[in-house]
PDB file of N, CA and C in Angstrom:
ATOM      1  N   MET A   1      83.940-178.017  28.590  1.00  0.00           N
ATOM      2  CA  MET A   1      84.819-178.685  29.175  1.00  0.00           C
ATOM      3  C   MET A   1      86.379-178.441  28.420  1.00  0.00           C
ATOM      4  N   SER A   2      87.133-178.163  29.165  1.00  0.00           N
ATOM      5  CA  SER A   2      88.320-177.813  28.823  1.00  0.00           C
ATOM      6  C   SER A   2      89.311-178.995  29.144  1.00  0.00           C
ATOM      7  N   VAL A   3      90.165-179.584  27.905  1.00  0.00           N
ATOM      8  CA  VAL A   3      90.980-180.673  27.826  1.00  0.00           C
ATOM      9  C   VAL A   3      92.506-180.511  28.226  1.00  0.00           C
ATOM     10  N   LYS A   4      93.110-181.177  29.109  1.00  0.00           N
ATOM     11  CA  LYS A   4      94.432-181.029  29.246  1.00  0.00           C
ATOM     12  C   LYS A   4      95.129-182.186  28.792  1.00  0.00           C
ATOM     13  N   LEU A   5      96.297-181.975  28.299  1.00  0.00           N
ATOM     14  CA  LEU A   5      97.036-183.390  27.900  1.00  0.00           C
ATOM     15  C   LEU A   5      98.015-183.332  29.204  1.00  0.00           C
ATOM     16  N   ARG A   6      98.368-184.303  29.704  1.00  0.00           N
ATOM     17  CA  ARG A   6      99.073-184.113  31.423  1.00  0.00           C
ATOM     18  C   ARG A   6      99.437-185.726  31.718  1.00  0.00           C
ATOM     19  N   LEU A   7     100.373-185.517  32.790  1.00  0.00           N
ATOM     20  CA  LEU A   7     100.951-186.991  33.071  1.00  0.00           C
ATOM     21  C   LEU A   7     100.346-187.288  34.500  1.00  0.00           C
ATOM     22  N   MET A   8      99.803-188.639  34.450  1.00  0.00           N
ATOM     23  CA  MET A   8      99.138-189.346  35.508  1.00  0.00           C
ATOM     24  C   MET A   8     100.223-190.302  36.046  1.00  0.00           C
ATOM     25  N   ARG A   9     100.497-190.115  37.271  1.00  0.00           N
ATOM     26  CA  ARG A   9     101.637-191.135  37.855  1.00  0.00           C
ATOM     27  C   ARG A   9     101.120-192.338  38.129  1.00  0.00           C
ATOM     28  N   MET A  10     102.191-193.578  37.583  1.00  0.00           N
ATOM     29  CA  MET A  10     101.938-194.865  37.959  1.00  0.00           C
ATOM     30  C   MET A  10     103.053-195.240  38.861  1.00  0.00           C
ATOM     31  N   GLY A  11     103.355-196.758  39.208  1.00  0.00           N
ATOM     32  CA  GLY A  11     104.323-197.184  39.306  1.00  0.00           C
ATOM     33  C   GLY A  11     104.638-197.473  40.829  1.00  0.00           C
ATOM     34  N   LYS A  12     105.407-197.296  41.468  1.00  0.00           N
ATOM     35  CA  LYS A  12     105.585-197.810  42.725  1.00  0.00           C
ATOM     36  C   LYS A  12     106.540-196.710  43.495  1.00  0.00           C
ATOM     37  N   THR A  13     106.523-196.658  44.837  1.00  0.00           N
ATOM     38  CA  THR A  13     107.318-195.690  45.598  1.00  0.00           C
ATOM     39  C   THR A  13     108.403-195.426  44.862  1.00  0.00           C
ATOM     40  N   LYS A  14     108.878-194.208  44.801  1.00  0.00           N
ATOM     41  CA  LYS A  14     110.615-193.966  44.329  1.00  0.00           C
ATOM     42  C   LYS A  14     110.506-194.567  43.261  1.00  0.00           C
ATOM     43  N   GLN A  15     109.770-195.203  41.904  1.00  0.00           N
ATOM     44  CA  GLN A  15     109.870-195.775  41.128  1.00  0.00           C
ATOM     45  C   GLN A  15     108.927-195.227  40.050  1.00  0.00           C
ATOM     46  N   PRO A  16     108.679-194.044  39.600  1.00  0.00           N
ATOM     47  CA  PRO A  16     107.571-193.484  39.237  1.00  0.00           C
ATOM     48  C   PRO A  16     107.777-193.851  37.618  1.00  0.00           C
ATOM     49  N   THR A  17     106.425-194.144  37.308  1.00  0.00           N
ATOM     50  CA  THR A  17     106.513-194.230  35.453  1.00  0.00           C
ATOM     51  C   THR A  17     105.005-193.387  35.281  1.00  0.00           C
ATOM     52  N   TYR A  18     104.821-192.648  34.405  1.00  0.00           N
ATOM     53  CA  TYR A  18     103.789-192.128  33.977  1.00  0.00           C
ATOM     54  C   TYR A  18     103.136-192.269  32.610  1.00  0.00           C
ATOM     55  N   ARG A  19     101.603-192.067  32.708  1.00  0.00           N
ATOM     56  CA  ARG A  19     100.897-192.298  31.369  1.00  0.00           C
ATOM     57  C   ARG A  19     100.611-190.598  30.840  1.00  0.00           C
ATOM     58  N   LEU A  20     100.816-190.457  29.757  1.00  0.00           N
ATOM     59  CA  LEU A  20     100.627-189.010  28.932  1.00  0.00           C
ATOM     60  C   LEU A  20      98.634-189.496  28.521  1.00  0.00           C
ATOM     61  N   VAL A  21      97.933-188.494  29.209  1.00  0.00           N
ATOM     62  CA  VAL A  21      96.464-188.639  28.869  1.00  0.00           C
ATOM     63  C   VAL A  21      96.009-187.459  28.619  1.00  0.00           C
ATOM     64  N   ALA A  22      94.928-187.421  28.062  1.00  0.00           N
ATOM     65  CA  ALA A  22      94.093-186.393  27.663  1.00  0.00           C
ATOM     66  C   ALA A  22      92.858-186.417  28.784  1.00  0.00           C
ATOM     67  N   ALA A  23      92.737-185.339  29.519  1.00  0.00           N
ATOM     68  CA  ALA A  23      91.689-185.534  30.770  1.00  0.00           C
ATOM     69  C   ALA A  23      90.992-184.242  30.986  1.00  0.00           C
ATOM     70  N   ASP A  24      90.097-184.126  31.397  1.00  0.00           N
ATOM     71  CA  ASP A  24      89.046-183.043  31.675  1.00  0.00           C
ATOM     72  C   ASP A  24      90.038-182.012  32.681  1.00  0.00           C
ATOM     73  N   SER A  25      90.173-180.836  32.539  1.00  0.00           N
ATOM     74  CA  SER A  25      91.047-180.085  33.569  1.00  0.00           C
ATOM     75  C   SER A  25      90.577-180.007  34.704  1.00  0.00           C
ATOM     76  N   ARG A  26      89.400-180.541  35.436  1.00  0.00           N
ATOM     77  CA  ARG A  26      88.825-180.590  36.700  1.00  0.00           C
ATOM     78  C   ARG A  26      88.930-181.882  37.203  1.00  0.00           C
ATOM     79  N   SER A  27      88.948-182.871  36.706  1.00  0.00           N
ATOM     80  CA  SER A  27      89.360-183.837  37.126  1.00  0.00           C
ATOM     81  C   SER A  27      90.826-183.951  37.935  1.00  0.00           C
ATOM     82  N   PRO A  28      90.855-184.861  38.896  1.00  0.00           N
ATOM     83  CA  PRO A  28      92.037-185.115  39.657  1.00  0.00           C
ATOM     84  C   PRO A  28      93.263-185.680  38.825  1.00  0.00           C
ATOM     85  N   ARG A  29      94.666-185.544  39.480  1.00  0.00           N
ATOM     86  CA  ARG A  29      95.960-185.666  38.835  1.00  0.00           C
ATOM     87  C   ARG A  29      95.686-187.285  38.362  1.00  0.00           C
ATOM     88  N   ASP A  30      95.420-188.243  39.220  1.00  0.00           N
ATOM     89  CA  ASP A  30      95.355-189.638  38.890  1.00  0.00           C
ATOM     90  C   ASP A  30      93.815-190.145  38.726  1.00  0.00           C
ATOM     91  N   GLY A  31      92.911-189.434  38.365  1.00  0.00           N
ATOM     92  CA  GLY A  31      91.726-189.544  38.351  1.00  0.00           C
ATOM     93  C   GLY A  31      91.042-190.130  36.692  1.00  0.00           C
ATOM     94  N   ARG A  32      89.953-189.855  36.425  1.00  0.00           N
ATOM     95  CA  ARG A  32      89.466-190.121  35.448  1.00  0.00           C
ATOM     96  C   ARG A  32      90.103-189.448  33.963  1.00  0.00           C
ATOM     97  N   PHE A  33      90.295-190.032  32.929  1.00  0.00           N
ATOM     98  CA  PHE A  33      90.807-189.530  31.662  1.00  0.00           C
ATOM     99  C   PHE A  33      90.070-189.847  30.557  1.00  0.00           C
ATOM    100  N   ILE A  34      90.512-189.398  29.487  1.00  0.00           N
ATOM    101  CA  ILE A  34      89.536-189.809  28.294  1.00  0.00           C
ATOM    102  C   ILE A  34      90.352-190.803  27.494  1.00  0.00           C
ATOM    103  N   GLU A  35      91.618-190.565  27.350  1.00  0.00           N
ATOM    104  CA  GLU A  35      92.343-191.173  26.426  1.00  0.00           C
ATOM    105  C   GLU A  35      93.778-191.142  26.711  1.00  0.00           C
ATOM    106  N   VAL A  36      94.373-192.741  26.579  1.00  0.00           N
ATOM    107  CA  VAL A  36      95.699-192.573  26.802  1.00  0.00           C
ATOM    108  C   VAL A  36      96.626-192.219  25.646  1.00  0.00           C
ATOM    109  N   LEU A  37      97.655-191.298  25.650  1.00  0.00           N
ATOM    110  CA  LEU A  37      98.378-191.098  24.534  1.00  0.00           C
ATOM    111  C   LEU A  37      99.771-191.635  24.554  1.00  0.00           C
ATOM    112  N   GLY A  38     100.125-192.103  25.702  1.00  0.00           N
ATOM    113  CA  GLY A  38     101.840-192.599  25.657  1.00  0.00           C
ATOM    114  C   GLY A  38     102.221-192.951  26.924  1.00  0.00           C
ATOM    115  N   THR A  39     103.371-192.979  27.335  1.00  0.00           N
ATOM    116  CA  THR A  39     104.167-193.601  28.608  1.00  0.00           C
ATOM    117  C   THR A  39     105.311-192.830  28.670  1.00  0.00           C
ATOM    118  N   TYR A  40     105.799-192.491  29.718  1.00  0.00           N
ATOM    119  CA  TYR A  40     107.191-191.887  30.142  1.00  0.00           C
ATOM    120  C   TYR A  40     107.571-192.193  31.400  1.00  0.00           C
ATOM    121  N   ALA A  41     108.721-193.220  31.396  1.00  0.00           N
ATOM    122  CA  ALA A  41     109.531-193.435  32.720  1.00  0.00           C
ATOM    123  C   ALA A  41     110.765-192.753  32.695  1.00  0.00           C
ATOM    124  N   PRO A  42     110.656-191.889  33.640  1.00  0.00           N
ATOM    125  CA  PRO A  42     112.068-191.017  33.776  1.00  0.00           C
ATOM    126  C   PRO A  42     113.369-191.731  34.349  1.00  0.00           C
ATOM    127  N   ARG A  43     113.004-192.745  34.819  1.00  0.00           N
ATOM    128  CA  ARG A  43     114.078-193.479  35.384  1.00  0.00           C
ATOM    129  C   ARG A  43     114.712-194.951  34.477  1.00  0.00           C
ATOM    130  N   GLY A  44     113.831-194.966  33.342  1.00  0.00           N
ATOM    131  CA  GLY A  44     113.898-196.046  32.544  1.00  0.00           C
ATOM    132  C   GLY A  44     113.320-197.151  33.143  1.00  0.00           C
ATOM    133  N   ARG A  45     112.843-198.393  32.437  1.00  0.00           N
ATOM    134  CA  ARG A  45     111.560-199.206  32.755  1.00  0.00           C
ATOM    135  C   ARG A  45     112.860-200.270  33.993  1.00  0.00           C
ATOM    136  N   SER A  46     113.887-200.524  33.965  1.00  0.00           N
ATOM    137  CA  SER A  46     114.577-201.478  34.839  1.00  0.00           C
ATOM    138  C   SER A  46     115.912-200.991  35.187  1.00  0.00           C
ATOM    139  N   GLY A  47     116.704-201.709  35.921  1.00  0.00           N
ATOM    140  CA  GLY A  47     117.932-201.151  36.173  1.00  0.00           C
ATOM    141  C   GLY A  47     119.201-201.297  35.146  1.00  0.00           C
ATOM    142  N   ALA A  48     118.588-202.078  34.191  1.00  0.00           N
ATOM    143  CA  ALA A  48     119.784-202.377  33.195  1.00  0.00           C
ATOM    144  C   ALA A  48     119.433-201.302  32.011  1.00  0.00           C
ATOM    145  N   GLU A  49     118.201-200.493  32.283  1.00  0.00           N
ATOM    146  CA  GLU A  49     117.687-199.282  31.311  1.00  0.00           C
ATOM    147  C   GLU A  49     117.807-198.003  32.098  1.00  0.00           C
ATOM    148  N   PRO A  50     119.230-197.218  32.263  1.00  0.00           N
ATOM    149  CA  PRO A  50     119.042-196.037  32.916  1.00  0.00           C
ATOM    150  C   PRO A  50     118.341-194.770  32.527  1.00  0.00           C
ATOM    151  N   ALA A  51     118.366-194.938  31.180  1.00  0.00           N
ATOM    152  CA  ALA A  51     118.121-193.485  30.683  1.00  0.00           C
ATOM    153  C   ALA A  51     116.518-193.619  30.383  1.00  0.00           C
ATOM    154  N   ALA A  52     115.691-192.294  30.272  1.00  0.00           N
ATOM    155  CA  ALA A  52     114.310-192.125  30.021  1.00  0.00           C
ATOM    156  C   ALA A  52     113.954-192.822  28.848  1.00  0.00           C
ATOM    157  N   VAL A  53     112.606-193.253  29.087  1.00  0.00           N
ATOM    158  CA  VAL A  53     112.057-193.830  27.908  1.00  0.00           C
ATOM    159  C   VAL A  53     110.676-193.160  27.801  1.00  0.00           C
ATOM    160  N   VAL A  54     110.534-192.558  26.652  1.00  0.00           N
ATOM    161  CA  VAL A  54     109.133-191.928  26.281  1.00  0.00           C
ATOM    162  C   VAL A  54     108.605-192.570  25.285  1.00  0.00           C
ATOM    163  N   GLU A  55     107.534-193.240  25.059  1.00  0.00           N
ATOM    164  CA  GLU A  55     106.629-193.450  23.949  1.00  0.00           C
ATOM    165  C   GLU A  55     105.306-193.026  23.765  1.00  0.00           C
ATOM    166  N   ILE A  56     105.331-192.155  22.560  1.00  0.00           N
ATOM    167  CA  ILE A  56     104.029-191.351  22.392  1.00  0.00           C
ATOM    168  C   ILE A  56     103.552-191.726  21.379  1.00  0.00           C
ATOM    169  N   ASP A  57     102.080-191.804  21.167  1.00  0.00           N
ATOM    170  CA  ASP A  57     101.335-191.879  19.810  1.00  0.00           C
ATOM    171  C   ASP A  57     100.990-190.383  19.273  1.00  0.00           C
ATOM    172  N   ASN A  58     102.159-190.084  18.284  1.00  0.00           N
ATOM    173  CA  ASN A  58     102.093-188.507  18.051  1.00  0.00           C
ATOM    174  C   ASN A  58     100.820-188.489  17.175  1.00  0.00           C
ATOM    175  N   ALA A  59     100.320-189.221  16.364  1.00  0.00           N
ATOM    176  CA  ALA A  59      98.809-188.816  15.784  1.00  0.00           C
ATOM    177  C   ALA A  59      97.672-188.606  16.785  1.00  0.00           C
ATOM    178  N   LYS A  60      97.724-189.341  17.775  1.00  0.00           N
ATOM    179  CA  LYS A  60      96.726-188.904  18.741  1.00  0.00           C
ATOM    180  C   LYS A  60      96.822-187.563  19.528  1.00  0.00           C
ATOM    181  N   ALA A  61      98.275-187.226  19.753  1.00  0.00           N
ATOM    182  CA  ALA A  61      98.582-186.310  20.494  1.00  0.00           C
ATOM    183  C   ALA A  61      98.025-185.090  19.413  1.00  0.00           C
ATOM    184  N   VAL A  62      98.455-185.077  18.213  1.00  0.00           N
ATOM    185  CA  VAL A  62      98.241-183.895  17.441  1.00  0.00           C
ATOM    186  C   VAL A  62      96.908-183.558  17.270  1.00  0.00           C
ATOM    187  N   LYS A  63      96.144-184.865  17.011  1.00  0.00           N
ATOM    188  CA  LYS A  63      94.726-184.577  17.060  1.00  0.00           C
ATOM    189  C   LYS A  63      93.875-183.967  18.229  1.00  0.00           C
ATOM    190  N   TRP A  64      94.507-184.396  19.639  1.00  0.00           N
ATOM    191  CA  TRP A  64      93.918-183.643  20.432  1.00  0.00           C
ATOM    192  C   TRP A  64      94.122-182.191  20.664  1.00  0.00           C
ATOM    193  N   LEU A  65      95.574-181.842  20.218  1.00  0.00           N
ATOM    194  CA  LEU A  65      95.931-180.347  20.019  1.00  0.00           C
ATOM    195  C   LEU A  65      95.242-179.728  19.221  1.00  0.00           C
ATOM    196  N   ARG A  66      94.955-180.128  17.792  1.00  0.00           N
ATOM    197  CA  ARG A  66      94.111-179.664  16.940  1.00  0.00           C
ATOM    198  C   ARG A  66      92.792-179.158  17.373  1.00  0.00           C
ATOM    199  N   GLN A  67      92.323-180.119  18.252  1.00  0.00           N
ATOM    200  CA  GLN A  67      90.646-179.995  18.715  1.00  0.00           C
ATOM    201  C   GLN A  67      90.928-178.986  20.004  1.00  0.00           C
ATOM    202  N   GLY A  68      91.965-178.170  20.316  1.00  0.00           N
ATOM    203  CA  GLY A  68      92.211-177.233  21.515  1.00  0.00           C
ATOM    204  C   GLY A  68      92.359-177.419  22.776  1.00  0.00           C
ATOM    205  N   ALA A  69      93.173-178.963  22.976  1.00  0.00           N
ATOM    206  CA  ALA A  69      93.342-179.391  24.302  1.00  0.00           C
ATOM    207  C   ALA A  69      94.980-178.534  24.414  1.00  0.00           C
ATOM    208  N   GLN A  70      95.103-178.314  25.696  1.00  0.00           N
ATOM    209  CA  GLN A  70      96.024-177.450  26.351  1.00  0.00           C
ATOM    210  C   GLN A  70      97.049-178.309  26.764  1.00  0.00           C
ATOM    211  N   ALA A  71      98.458-178.380  26.802  1.00  0.00           N
ATOM    212  CA  ALA A  71      99.412-179.182  27.163  1.00  0.00           C
ATOM    213  C   ALA A  71     100.187-178.551  28.467  1.00  0.00           C
ATOM    214  N   THR A  72     100.480-179.695  29.307  1.00  0.00           N
ATOM    215  CA  THR A  72     101.031-178.924  30.644  1.00  0.00           C
ATOM    216  C   THR A  72     102.658-178.825  30.250  1.00  0.00           C
ATOM    217  N   GLU A  73     103.241-177.940  31.106  1.00  0.00           N
ATOM    218  CA  GLU A  73     104.838-177.505  30.316  1.00  0.00           C
ATOM    219  C   GLU A  73     105.617-179.230  30.260  1.00  0.00           C
ATOM    220  N   ARG A  74     105.673-179.707  31.461  1.00  0.00           N
ATOM    221  CA  ARG A  74     106.475-180.939  30.919  1.00  0.00           C
ATOM    222  C   ARG A  74     105.853-181.762  29.517  1.00  0.00           C
ATOM    223  N   VAL A  75     104.566-181.908  29.584  1.00  0.00           N
ATOM    224  CA  VAL A  75     104.278-182.738  28.355  1.00  0.00           C
ATOM    225  C   VAL A  75     104.666-182.099  27.211  1.00  0.00           C
ATOM    226  N   GLU A  76     104.497-180.755  26.994  1.00  0.00           N
ATOM    227  CA  GLU A  76     104.783-179.925  25.840  1.00  0.00           C
ATOM    228  C   GLU A  76     106.493-180.171  25.375  1.00  0.00           C
ATOM    229  N   ARG A  77     107.123-180.173  26.651  1.00  0.00           N
ATOM    230  CA  ARG A  77     108.457-180.793  26.431  1.00  0.00           C
ATOM    231  C   ARG A  77     108.595-182.063  25.722  1.00  0.00           C
ATOM    232  N   LEU A  78     107.715-182.786  26.553  1.00  0.00           N
ATOM    233  CA  LEU A  78     107.990-184.376  25.904  1.00  0.00           C
ATOM    234  C   LEU A  78     107.519-184.640  24.272  1.00  0.00           C
ATOM    235  N   LEU A  79     106.499-183.716  23.603  1.00  0.00           N
ATOM    236  CA  LEU A  79     106.073-183.473  22.516  1.00  0.00           C
ATOM    237  C   LEU A  79     106.910-182.851  21.377  1.00  0.00           C
ATOM    238  N   ARG A  80     107.836-182.167  22.261  1.00  0.00           N
ATOM    239  CA  ARG A  80     108.687-181.582  21.360  1.00  0.00           C
ATOM    240  C   ARG A  80     109.698-182.508  20.935  1.00  0.00           C
ATOM    241  N   ASN A  81     110.181-183.050  22.108  1.00  0.00           N
ATOM    242  CA  ASN A  81     111.114-184.440  21.985  1.00  0.00           C
ATOM    243  C   ASN A  81     110.860-185.418  21.056  1.00  0.00           C
ATOM    244  N   SER A  82     109.435-185.633  21.012  1.00  0.00           N
ATOM    245  CA  SER A  82     108.659-186.790  19.911  1.00  0.00           C
ATOM    246  C   SER A  82     108.499-185.967  18.918  1.00  0.00           C
ATOM    247  N   GLY A  83     108.668-184.781  18.463  1.00  0.00           N
ATOM    248  CA  GLY A  83     108.210-184.657  17.097  1.00  0.00           C
ATOM    249  C   GLY A  83     106.737-184.123  16.952  1.00  0.00           C
ATOM    250  N   ALA A  84     105.958-184.329  17.916  1.00  0.00           N
ATOM    251  CA  ALA A  84     104.573-184.113  17.785  1.00  0.00           C
ATOM    252  C   ALA A  84     104.069-182.774  17.638  1.00  0.00           C
ATOM    253  N   TRP A  85     105.059-182.020  18.647  1.00  0.00           N
ATOM    254  CA  TRP A  85     104.473-180.489  18.980  1.00  0.00           C
ATOM    255  C   TRP A  85     105.028-179.686  17.298  1.00  0.00           C
ATOM    256  N   ASP A  86     105.965-180.244  16.841  1.00  0.00           N
ATOM    257  CA  ASP A  86     106.674-179.614  15.714  1.00  0.00           C
ATOM    258  C   ASP A  86     105.348-179.971  14.383  1.00  0.00           C
ATOM    259  N   GLU A  87     105.120-181.103  14.303  1.00  0.00           N
ATOM    260  CA  GLU A  87     103.905-181.322  13.224  1.00  0.00           C
ATOM    261  C   GLU A  87     102.755-180.559  13.435  1.00  0.00           C
ATOM    262  N   PHE A  88     102.167-180.183  15.015  1.00  0.00           N
ATOM    263  CA  PHE A  88     100.933-179.397  15.133  1.00  0.00           C
ATOM    264  C   PHE A  88     101.351-178.002  14.921  1.00  0.00           C
ATOM    265  N   THR A  89     102.567-177.389  15.129  1.00  0.00           N
ATOM    266  CA  THR A  89     102.584-175.970  14.589  1.00  0.00           C
ATOM    267  C   THR A  89     103.129-175.979  13.381  1.00  0.00           C
ATOM    268  N   ALA A  90     103.298-176.801  12.447  1.00  0.00           N
ATOM    269  CA  ALA A  90     103.410-176.821  11.229  1.00  0.00           C
ATOM    270  C   ALA A  90     101.867-176.661  10.574  1.00  0.00           C
ATOM    271  N   SER A  91     101.109-177.528  11.064  1.00  0.00           N
ATOM    272  CA  SER A  91      99.748-177.631  10.454  1.00  0.00           C
ATOM    273  C   SER A  91      98.951-176.272  10.908  1.00  0.00           C
ATOM    274  N   LYS A  92      99.292-175.978  12.167  1.00  0.00           N
ATOM    275  CA  LYS A  92      98.589-174.639  12.405  1.00  0.00           C
ATOM    276  C   LYS A  92      99.013-173.138  11.562  1.00  0.00           C
ATOM    277  N   ALA A  93     100.252-173.404  11.049  1.00  0.00           N
ATOM    278  CA  ALA A  93     100.791-172.362  10.419  1.00  0.00           C
ATOM    279  C   ALA A  93     100.171-172.313   9.206  1.00  0.00           C
ATOM    280  N   GLN A  94      99.669-173.365   8.432  1.00  0.00           N
ATOM    281  CA  GLN A  94      99.023-173.451   6.804  1.00  0.00           C
ATOM    282  C   GLN A  94      97.645-172.962   6.709  1.00  0.00           C
TER     283      GLN A  94
END
């Protein structure tokens, strides 16, 4: 079983929010997942908060990456912004 770190769409029409999840690569986008690693709201959480909101549990994300999980392009970019990707590559280099 190959595990992917990917986004799972939530929210309403034209107001997306996403969960960052570890899921089996064969399961559908919004289907079964193994663990929730964080959230991503590209349009903010409300009208008063227009900037994107990213909340990621870096420890869980690094744990899955060390176990061989593959991140999608968007998730990799979010992990770079949160610092989890740098932590993973530093531990991999040692």
